[in-house]
Amino acid sequence: MKTSEPLTIDLDAETLASLQAASVWRGMSVTDYVKSAVETATRKDGELAALVQEGLDDIDAGRVYTQEQVEAWFEARHRDIAAE
């Protein structure tokens, strides 16, 4: 079973130069840098999608706050921080 798949992308000269500079700065090959960036981006997108779904589930279950409640929460938090 194949565990990886090659990927070819076209980059403009400026983006390619930035990619090469970033990989050198991190002490990585361009390939390893791109793999790391893609892994990070897809993990973060997965986390964001789960957070959004949690919010949608809360809405469906009626666990919501009004604009006034949120503003009051922020105001109270601001006062607490200012008092410190």
C-alpha atoms as a PDB file:
ATOM      1  CA  MET A   1       0.000   0.000   0.000  1.00  0.00           C
ATOM      2  CA  LYS A   2       1.312   3.423  -0.969  1.00  0.00           C
ATOM      3  CA  THR A   3       1.702   5.708   2.070  1.00  0.00           C
ATOM      4  CA  SER A   4       2.520   8.937   0.274  1.00  0.00           C
ATOM      5  CA  GLU A   5       1.616  10.692  -2.921  1.00  0.00           C
ATOM      6  CA  PRO A   6       3.804  13.100  -4.888  1.00  0.00           C
ATOM      7  CA  LEU A   7       2.415  16.577  -5.355  1.00  0.00           C
ATOM      8  CA  THR A   8       3.458  19.104  -7.966  1.00  0.00           C
ATOM      9  CA  ILE A   9       2.622  22.790  -7.577  1.00  0.00           C
ATOM     10  CA  ASP A  10       3.473  25.890  -9.570  1.00  0.00           C
ATOM     11  CA  LEU A  11       4.852  28.813  -7.585  1.00  0.00           C
ATOM     12  CA  ASP A  12       5.758  32.272  -8.811  1.00  0.00           C
ATOM     13  CA  ALA A  13       9.390  33.286  -8.421  1.00  0.00           C
ATOM     14  CA  GLU A  14       8.780  35.465  -5.358  1.00  0.00           C
ATOM     15  CA  THR A  15       6.895  32.737  -3.479  1.00  0.00           C
ATOM     16  CA  LEU A  16       9.522  30.139  -4.405  1.00  0.00           C
ATOM     17  CA  ALA A  17      12.305  32.416  -3.155  1.00  0.00           C
ATOM     18  CA  SER A  18      10.403  32.966   0.104  1.00  0.00           C
ATOM     19  CA  LEU A  19       9.880  29.228   0.473  1.00  0.00           C
ATOM     20  CA  GLN A  20      13.559  28.525  -0.082  1.00  0.00           C
ATOM     21  CA  ALA A  21      14.602  31.239   2.381  1.00  0.00           C
ATOM     22  CA  ALA A  22      12.174  29.983   5.021  1.00  0.00           C
ATOM     23  CA  SER A  23      13.368  26.399   4.687  1.00  0.00           C
ATOM     24  CA  VAL A  24      17.010  27.500   4.997  1.00  0.00           C
ATOM     25  CA  TRP A  25      16.140  29.615   8.054  1.00  0.00           C
ATOM     26  CA  ARG A  26      14.532  26.559   9.666  1.00  0.00           C
ATOM     27  CA  GLY A  27      17.394  24.290   8.646  1.00  0.00           C
ATOM     28  CA  MET A  28      15.081  22.078   6.610  1.00  0.00           C
ATOM     29  CA  SER A  29      14.895  20.959   3.033  1.00  0.00           C
ATOM     30  CA  VAL A  30      12.188  22.640   0.953  1.00  0.00           C
ATOM     31  CA  THR A  31      10.343  19.307   0.818  1.00  0.00           C
ATOM     32  CA  ASP A  32      10.435  18.854   4.606  1.00  0.00           C
ATOM     33  CA  TYR A  33       9.401  22.479   5.120  1.00  0.00           C
ATOM     34  CA  VAL A  34       6.407  22.104   2.802  1.00  0.00           C
ATOM     35  CA  LYS A  35       5.404  18.808   4.460  1.00  0.00           C
ATOM     36  CA  SER A  36       5.584  20.464   7.889  1.00  0.00           C
ATOM     37  CA  ALA A  37       3.582  23.483   6.721  1.00  0.00           C
ATOM     38  CA  VAL A  38       0.877  21.303   5.161  1.00  0.00           C
ATOM     39  CA  GLU A  39       0.687  19.078   8.257  1.00  0.00           C
ATOM     40  CA  THR A  40       0.346  22.134  10.495  1.00  0.00           C
ATOM     41  CA  ALA A  41      -2.269  23.811   8.279  1.00  0.00           C
ATOM     42  CA  THR A  42      -4.402  20.692   7.943  1.00  0.00           C
ATOM     43  CA  ARG A  43      -4.216  19.988  11.692  1.00  0.00           C
ATOM     44  CA  LYS A  44      -5.224  23.583  12.498  1.00  0.00           C
ATOM     45  CA  ASP A  45      -8.085  23.442   9.985  1.00  0.00           C
ATOM     46  CA  GLY A  46      -9.279  20.205  11.595  1.00  0.00           C
ATOM     47  CA  GLU A  47      -9.188  21.844  15.027  1.00  0.00           C
ATOM     48  CA  LEU A  48     -11.089  24.865  13.711  1.00  0.00           C
ATOM     49  CA  ALA A  49     -13.689  22.660  12.018  1.00  0.00           C
ATOM     50  CA  ALA A  50     -14.220  20.783  15.310  1.00  0.00           C
ATOM     51  CA  LEU A  51     -14.591  24.079  17.196  1.00  0.00           C
ATOM     52  CA  VAL A  52     -17.115  25.375  14.661  1.00  0.00           C
ATOM     53  CA  GLN A  53     -19.043  22.104  14.886  1.00  0.00           C
ATOM     54  CA  GLU A  54     -19.072  22.393  18.678  1.00  0.00           C
ATOM     55  CA  GLY A  55     -20.585  25.864  18.321  1.00  0.00           C
ATOM     56  CA  LEU A  56     -23.185  24.624  15.847  1.00  0.00           C
ATOM     57  CA  ASP A  57     -24.057  21.773  18.202  1.00  0.00           C
ATOM     58  CA  ASP A  58     -24.466  24.295  21.041  1.00  0.00           C
ATOM     59  CA  ILE A  59     -26.785  26.391  18.867  1.00  0.00           C
ATOM     60  CA  ASP A  60     -28.831  23.323  17.952  1.00  0.00           C
ATOM     61  CA  ALA A  61     -29.107  22.437  21.655  1.00  0.00           C
ATOM     62  CA  GLY A  62     -30.180  25.969  22.586  1.00  0.00           C
ATOM     63  CA  ARG A  63     -26.951  26.797  24.428  1.00  0.00           C
ATOM     64  CA  VAL A  64     -26.610  30.361  23.177  1.00  0.00           C
ATOM     65  CA  TYR A  65     -26.015  33.828  24.592  1.00  0.00           C
ATOM     66  CA  THR A  66     -27.629  37.096  23.566  1.00  0.00           C
ATOM     67  CA  GLN A  67     -25.546  40.020  22.372  1.00  0.00           C
ATOM     68  CA  GLU A  68     -26.353  41.792  25.641  1.00  0.00           C
ATOM     69  CA  GLN A  69     -25.109  38.838  27.712  1.00  0.00           C
ATOM     70  CA  VAL A  70     -21.844  38.698  25.773  1.00  0.00           C
ATOM     71  CA  GLU A  71     -21.321  42.457  26.116  1.00  0.00           C
ATOM     72  CA  ALA A  72     -22.008  42.263  29.857  1.00  0.00           C
ATOM     73  CA  TRP A  73     -19.500  39.396  30.174  1.00  0.00           C
ATOM     74  CA  PHE A  74     -16.826  41.407  28.340  1.00  0.00           C
ATOM     75  CA  GLU A  75     -17.550  44.505  30.425  1.00  0.00           C
ATOM     76  CA  ALA A  76     -17.265  42.546  33.681  1.00  0.00           C
ATOM     77  CA  ARG A  77     -14.045  40.925  32.475  1.00  0.00           C
ATOM     78  CA  HIS A  78     -12.636  44.327  31.516  1.00  0.00           C
ATOM     79  CA  ARG A  79     -13.475  45.697  34.988  1.00  0.00           C
ATOM     80  CA  ASP A  80     -11.861  42.680  36.678  1.00  0.00           C
ATOM     81  CA  ILE A  81      -8.664  43.070  34.667  1.00  0.00           C
ATOM     82  CA  ALA A  82      -8.558  46.842  35.250  1.00  0.00           C
ATOM     83  CA  ALA A  83      -8.922  46.269  38.990  1.00  0.00           C
ATOM     84  CA  GLU A  84      -5.846  44.016  39.113  1.00  0.00           C
END
